[in-house]
Amino acid sequence: MGRCIAVDEAKLHIKKAWVYVWSAVDVDSGELIALEVSYGRSHLNTLIFFRRLSSYV
């Protein structure tokens, strides 16, 4: 695993509902490290994503 991780979130409209897609990619290898989909975009959703991400790092 590389030394740098890029994190992004996107808002997508799927079947009449808005969802947020959170992703983390290893910048050096281009490998997808974590992916999370949620209906909300709260501090709790962010915390859950980063806690799951930390288990991969």
PDB file of N, CA and C in Angstrom:
ATOM      1  N   MET A   1       0.848  -1.178   0.000  1.00  0.00           N
ATOM      2  CA  MET A   1       0.000   0.000   0.000  1.00  0.00           C
ATOM      3  C   MET A   1       0.887   1.233   0.000  1.00  0.00           C
ATOM      4  N   GLY A   2       0.463   2.226  -0.763  1.00  0.00           N
ATOM      5  CA  GLY A   2       1.232   3.456  -0.889  1.00  0.00           C
ATOM      6  C   GLY A   2       1.122   4.371   0.312  1.00  0.00           C
ATOM      7  N   ARG A   3       1.750   5.522   0.186  1.00  0.00           N
ATOM      8  CA  ARG A   3       1.772   6.467   1.302  1.00  0.00           C
ATOM      9  C   ARG A   3       0.641   7.481   1.231  1.00  0.00           C
ATOM     10  N   CYS A   4      -0.063   7.533   0.103  1.00  0.00           N
ATOM     11  CA  CYS A   4      -1.079   8.566  -0.079  1.00  0.00           C
ATOM     12  C   CYS A   4      -2.404   7.940  -0.515  1.00  0.00           C
ATOM     13  N   ILE A   5      -3.486   8.391   0.102  1.00  0.00           N
ATOM     14  CA  ILE A   5      -4.823   7.904  -0.218  1.00  0.00           C
ATOM     15  C   ILE A   5      -5.686   9.096  -0.617  1.00  0.00           C
ATOM     16  N   ALA A   6      -6.385   8.971  -1.741  1.00  0.00           N
ATOM     17  CA  ALA A   6      -7.318  10.006  -2.192  1.00  0.00           C
ATOM     18  C   ALA A   6      -8.732   9.576  -1.813  1.00  0.00           C
ATOM     19  N   VAL A   7      -9.480  10.493  -1.200  1.00  0.00           N
ATOM     20  CA  VAL A   7     -10.846  10.216  -0.762  1.00  0.00           C
ATOM     21  C   VAL A   7     -11.782  11.161  -1.499  1.00  0.00           C
ATOM     22  N   ASP A   8     -12.927  10.622  -1.941  1.00  0.00           N
ATOM     23  CA  ASP A   8     -13.892  11.435  -2.677  1.00  0.00           C
ATOM     24  C   ASP A   8     -15.296  10.982  -2.313  1.00  0.00           C
ATOM     25  N   GLU A   9     -16.245  11.886  -2.463  1.00  0.00           N
ATOM     26  CA  GLU A   9     -17.651  11.530  -2.312  1.00  0.00           C
ATOM     27  C   GLU A   9     -18.430  12.170  -3.437  1.00  0.00           C
ATOM     28  N   ALA A  10     -19.457  11.457  -3.879  1.00  0.00           N
ATOM     29  CA  ALA A  10     -20.284  11.939  -4.982  1.00  0.00           C
ATOM     30  C   ALA A  10     -21.748  11.713  -4.634  1.00  0.00           C
ATOM     31  N   LYS A  11     -22.602  12.597  -5.122  1.00  0.00           N
ATOM     32  CA  LYS A  11     -24.040  12.484  -4.916  1.00  0.00           C
ATOM     33  C   LYS A  11     -24.648  11.985  -6.222  1.00  0.00           C
ATOM     34  N   LEU A  12     -25.340  10.842  -6.163  1.00  0.00           N
ATOM     35  CA  LEU A  12     -25.919  10.233  -7.351  1.00  0.00           C
ATOM     36  C   LEU A  12     -27.424  10.083  -7.194  1.00  0.00           C
ATOM     37  N   HIS A  13     -28.142  10.221  -8.296  1.00  0.00           N
ATOM     38  CA  HIS A  13     -29.589  10.041  -8.308  1.00  0.00           C
ATOM     39  C   HIS A  13     -29.880   8.672  -8.904  1.00  0.00           C
ATOM     40  N   ILE A  14     -30.404   7.758  -8.081  1.00  0.00           N
ATOM     41  CA  ILE A  14     -30.671   6.390  -8.513  1.00  0.00           C
ATOM     42  C   ILE A  14     -32.103   6.028  -8.147  1.00  0.00           C
ATOM     43  N   LYS A  15     -32.907   5.726  -9.151  1.00  0.00           N
ATOM     44  CA  LYS A  15     -34.301   5.305  -8.951  1.00  0.00           C
ATOM     45  C   LYS A  15     -35.055   6.227  -7.992  1.00  0.00           C
ATOM     46  N   LYS A  16     -35.101   7.488  -8.313  1.00  0.00           N
ATOM     47  CA  LYS A  16     -35.854   8.501  -7.557  1.00  0.00           C
ATOM     48  C   LYS A  16     -35.311   8.770  -6.158  1.00  0.00           C
ATOM     49  N   ALA A  17     -34.113   8.342  -5.873  1.00  0.00           N
ATOM     50  CA  ALA A  17     -33.511   8.592  -4.561  1.00  0.00           C
ATOM     51  C   ALA A  17     -32.096   9.121  -4.751  1.00  0.00           C
ATOM     52  N   TRP A  18     -31.691  10.010  -3.860  1.00  0.00           N
ATOM     53  CA  TRP A  18     -30.319  10.516  -3.877  1.00  0.00           C
ATOM     54  C   TRP A  18     -29.490   9.697  -2.907  1.00  0.00           C
ATOM     55  N   VAL A  19     -28.319   9.263  -3.346  1.00  0.00           N
ATOM     56  CA  VAL A  19     -27.392   8.529  -2.487  1.00  0.00           C
ATOM     57  C   VAL A  19     -26.014   9.162  -2.584  1.00  0.00           C
ATOM     58  N   TYR A  20     -25.229   8.946  -1.556  1.00  0.00           N
ATOM     59  CA  TYR A  20     -23.850   9.436  -1.528  1.00  0.00           C
ATOM     60  C   TYR A  20     -22.918   8.239  -1.623  1.00  0.00           C
ATOM     61  N   VAL A  21     -21.946   8.341  -2.513  1.00  0.00           N
ATOM     62  CA  VAL A  21     -20.957   7.285  -2.702  1.00  0.00           C
ATOM     63  C   VAL A  21     -19.619   7.823  -2.217  1.00  0.00           C
ATOM     64  N   TRP A  22     -19.029   7.151  -1.244  1.00  0.00           N
ATOM     65  CA  TRP A  22     -17.741   7.526  -0.670  1.00  0.00           C
ATOM     66  C   TRP A  22     -16.722   6.516  -1.162  1.00  0.00           C
ATOM     67  N   SER A  23     -15.578   6.981  -1.625  1.00  0.00           N
ATOM     68  CA  SER A  23     -14.544   6.064  -2.103  1.00  0.00           C
ATOM     69  C   SER A  23     -13.165   6.537  -1.662  1.00  0.00           C
ATOM     70  N   ALA A  24     -12.268   5.571  -1.534  1.00  0.00           N
ATOM     71  CA  ALA A  24     -10.873   5.852  -1.193  1.00  0.00           C
ATOM     72  C   ALA A  24      -9.999   5.026  -2.126  1.00  0.00           C
ATOM     73  N   VAL A  25      -8.989   5.686  -2.717  1.00  0.00           N
ATOM     74  CA  VAL A  25      -8.113   5.047  -3.697  1.00  0.00           C
ATOM     75  C   VAL A  25      -6.665   5.263  -3.286  1.00  0.00           C
ATOM     76  N   ASP A  26      -5.862   4.208  -3.388  1.00  0.00           N
ATOM     77  CA  ASP A  26      -4.419   4.316  -3.184  1.00  0.00           C
ATOM     78  C   ASP A  26      -3.854   5.052  -4.394  1.00  0.00           C
ATOM     79  N   VAL A  27      -3.258   6.211  -4.173  1.00  0.00           N
ATOM     80  CA  VAL A  27      -2.777   7.058  -5.266  1.00  0.00           C
ATOM     81  C   VAL A  27      -1.652   6.382  -6.042  1.00  0.00           C
ATOM     82  N   ASP A  28      -0.777   5.662  -5.359  1.00  0.00           N
ATOM     83  CA  ASP A  28       0.370   5.034  -6.022  1.00  0.00           C
ATOM     84  C   ASP A  28      -0.033   3.875  -6.930  1.00  0.00           C
ATOM     85  N   SER A  29      -0.921   3.005  -6.455  1.00  0.00           N
ATOM     86  CA  SER A  29      -1.282   1.812  -7.224  1.00  0.00           C
ATOM     87  C   SER A  29      -2.592   1.956  -7.996  1.00  0.00           C
ATOM     88  N   GLY A  30      -3.429   2.937  -7.625  1.00  0.00           N
ATOM     89  CA  GLY A  30      -4.736   3.096  -8.254  1.00  0.00           C
ATOM     90  C   GLY A  30      -5.764   2.105  -7.734  1.00  0.00           C
ATOM     91  N   GLU A  31      -5.418   1.367  -6.695  1.00  0.00           N
ATOM     92  CA  GLU A  31      -6.294   0.352  -6.126  1.00  0.00           C
ATOM     93  C   GLU A  31      -7.405   0.987  -5.293  1.00  0.00           C
ATOM     94  N   LEU A  32      -8.633   0.514  -5.495  1.00  0.00           N
ATOM     95  CA  LEU A  32      -9.760   0.952  -4.679  1.00  0.00           C
ATOM     96  C   LEU A  32      -9.628   0.306  -3.308  1.00  0.00           C
ATOM     97  N   ILE A  33      -9.582   1.124  -2.273  1.00  0.00           N
ATOM     98  CA  ILE A  33      -9.376   0.623  -0.916  1.00  0.00           C
ATOM     99  C   ILE A  33     -10.701   0.456  -0.184  1.00  0.00           C
ATOM    100  N   ALA A  34     -11.598   1.422  -0.343  1.00  0.00           N
ATOM    101  CA  ALA A  34     -12.870   1.366   0.374  1.00  0.00           C
ATOM    102  C   ALA A  34     -13.958   2.032  -0.458  1.00  0.00           C
ATOM    103  N   LEU A  35     -15.178   1.521  -0.298  1.00  0.00           N
ATOM    104  CA  LEU A  35     -16.339   2.069  -0.995  1.00  0.00           C
ATOM    105  C   LEU A  35     -17.531   1.960  -0.059  1.00  0.00           C
ATOM    106  N   GLU A  36     -18.274   3.033   0.064  1.00  0.00           N
ATOM    107  CA  GLU A  36     -19.428   3.074   0.964  1.00  0.00           C
ATOM    108  C   GLU A  36     -20.539   3.854   0.272  1.00  0.00           C
ATOM    109  N   VAL A  37     -21.777   3.391   0.406  1.00  0.00           N
ATOM    110  CA  VAL A  37     -22.938   4.087  -0.147  1.00  0.00           C
ATOM    111  C   VAL A  37     -23.897   4.366   1.003  1.00  0.00           C
ATOM    112  N   SER A  38     -24.404   5.601   1.076  1.00  0.00           N
ATOM    113  CA  SER A  38     -25.338   5.948   2.141  1.00  0.00           C
ATOM    114  C   SER A  38     -26.381   6.921   1.610  1.00  0.00           C
ATOM    115  N   TYR A  39     -27.516   6.964   2.296  1.00  0.00           N
ATOM    116  CA  TYR A  39     -28.563   7.915   1.938  1.00  0.00           C
ATOM    117  C   TYR A  39     -28.298   9.286   2.540  1.00  0.00           C
ATOM    118  N   GLY A  40     -27.488   9.334   3.571  1.00  0.00           N
ATOM    119  CA  GLY A  40     -27.219  10.595   4.246  1.00  0.00           C
ATOM    120  C   GLY A  40     -25.798  11.069   4.050  1.00  0.00           C
ATOM    121  N   ARG A  41     -25.581  12.324   4.423  1.00  0.00           N
ATOM    122  CA  ARG A  41     -24.248  12.926   4.342  1.00  0.00           C
ATOM    123  C   ARG A  41     -23.986  13.688   5.644  1.00  0.00           C
ATOM    124  N   SER A  42     -24.023  12.958   6.723  1.00  0.00           N
ATOM    125  CA  SER A  42     -23.847  13.570   8.036  1.00  0.00           C
ATOM    126  C   SER A  42     -22.444  13.291   8.565  1.00  0.00           C
ATOM    127  N   HIS A  43     -22.156  13.868   9.719  1.00  0.00           N
ATOM    128  CA  HIS A  43     -20.880  13.593  10.376  1.00  0.00           C
ATOM    129  C   HIS A  43     -20.769  12.106  10.720  1.00  0.00           C
ATOM    130  N   LEU A  44     -21.891  11.504  11.073  1.00  0.00           N
ATOM    131  CA  LEU A  44     -21.894  10.085  11.415  1.00  0.00           C
ATOM    132  C   LEU A  44     -21.538   9.232  10.198  1.00  0.00           C
ATOM    133  N   ASN A  45     -22.116   9.547   9.034  1.00  0.00           N
ATOM    134  CA  ASN A  45     -21.776   8.815   7.814  1.00  0.00           C
ATOM    135  C   ASN A  45     -20.294   8.936   7.484  1.00  0.00           C
ATOM    136  N   THR A  46     -19.753  10.124   7.668  1.00  0.00           N
ATOM    137  CA  THR A  46     -18.327  10.350   7.414  1.00  0.00           C
ATOM    138  C   THR A  46     -17.475   9.555   8.388  1.00  0.00           C
ATOM    139  N   LEU A  47     -17.842   9.575   9.645  1.00  0.00           N
ATOM    140  CA  LEU A  47     -17.100   8.841  10.666  1.00  0.00           C
ATOM    141  C   LEU A  47     -17.105   7.342  10.381  1.00  0.00           C
ATOM    142  N   ILE A  48     -18.253   6.807  10.007  1.00  0.00           N
ATOM    143  CA  ILE A  48     -18.350   5.381   9.682  1.00  0.00           C
ATOM    144  C   ILE A  48     -17.428   5.033   8.522  1.00  0.00           C
ATOM    145  N   PHE A  49     -17.430   5.859   7.476  1.00  0.00           N
ATOM    146  CA  PHE A  49     -16.570   5.598   6.320  1.00  0.00           C
ATOM    147  C   PHE A  49     -15.098   5.605   6.717  1.00  0.00           C
ATOM    148  N   PHE A  50     -14.668   6.615   7.458  1.00  0.00           N
ATOM    149  CA  PHE A  50     -13.257   6.706   7.819  1.00  0.00           C
ATOM    150  C   PHE A  50     -12.841   5.619   8.809  1.00  0.00           C
ATOM    151  N   ARG A  51     -13.738   5.186   9.665  1.00  0.00           N
ATOM    152  CA  ARG A  51     -13.405   4.071  10.571  1.00  0.00           C
ATOM    153  C   ARG A  51     -13.226   2.783   9.781  1.00  0.00           C
ATOM    154  N   ARG A  52     -14.102   2.552   8.801  1.00  0.00           N
ATOM    155  CA  ARG A  52     -13.938   1.361   7.959  1.00  0.00           C
ATOM    156  C   ARG A  52     -12.679   1.473   7.111  1.00  0.00           C
ATOM    157  N   LEU A  53     -12.382   2.670   6.641  1.00  0.00           N
ATOM    158  CA  LEU A  53     -11.169   2.887   5.857  1.00  0.00           C
ATOM    159  C   LEU A  53      -9.931   2.609   6.700  1.00  0.00           C
ATOM    160  N   SER A  54      -9.941   3.018   7.956  1.00  0.00           N
ATOM    161  CA  SER A  54      -8.765   2.821   8.811  1.00  0.00           C
ATOM    162  C   SER A  54      -8.475   1.344   9.058  1.00  0.00           C
ATOM    163  N   SER A  55      -9.478   0.486   8.932  1.00  0.00           N
ATOM    164  CA  SER A  55      -9.227  -0.948   9.108  1.00  0.00           C
ATOM    165  C   SER A  55      -8.477  -1.542   7.920  1.00  0.00           C
ATOM    166  N   TYR A  56      -8.510  -0.873   6.761  1.00  0.00           N
ATOM    167  CA  TYR A  56      -7.787  -1.339   5.578  1.00  0.00           C
ATOM    168  C   TYR A  56      -6.358  -0.824   5.533  1.00  0.00           C
ATOM    169  N   VAL A  57      -6.115   0.290   6.206  1.00  0.00           N
ATOM    170  CA  VAL A  57      -4.798   0.938   6.111  1.00  0.00           C
ATOM    171  C   VAL A  57      -3.819   0.346   7.085  1.00  0.00           C
TER     172      VAL A  57
END
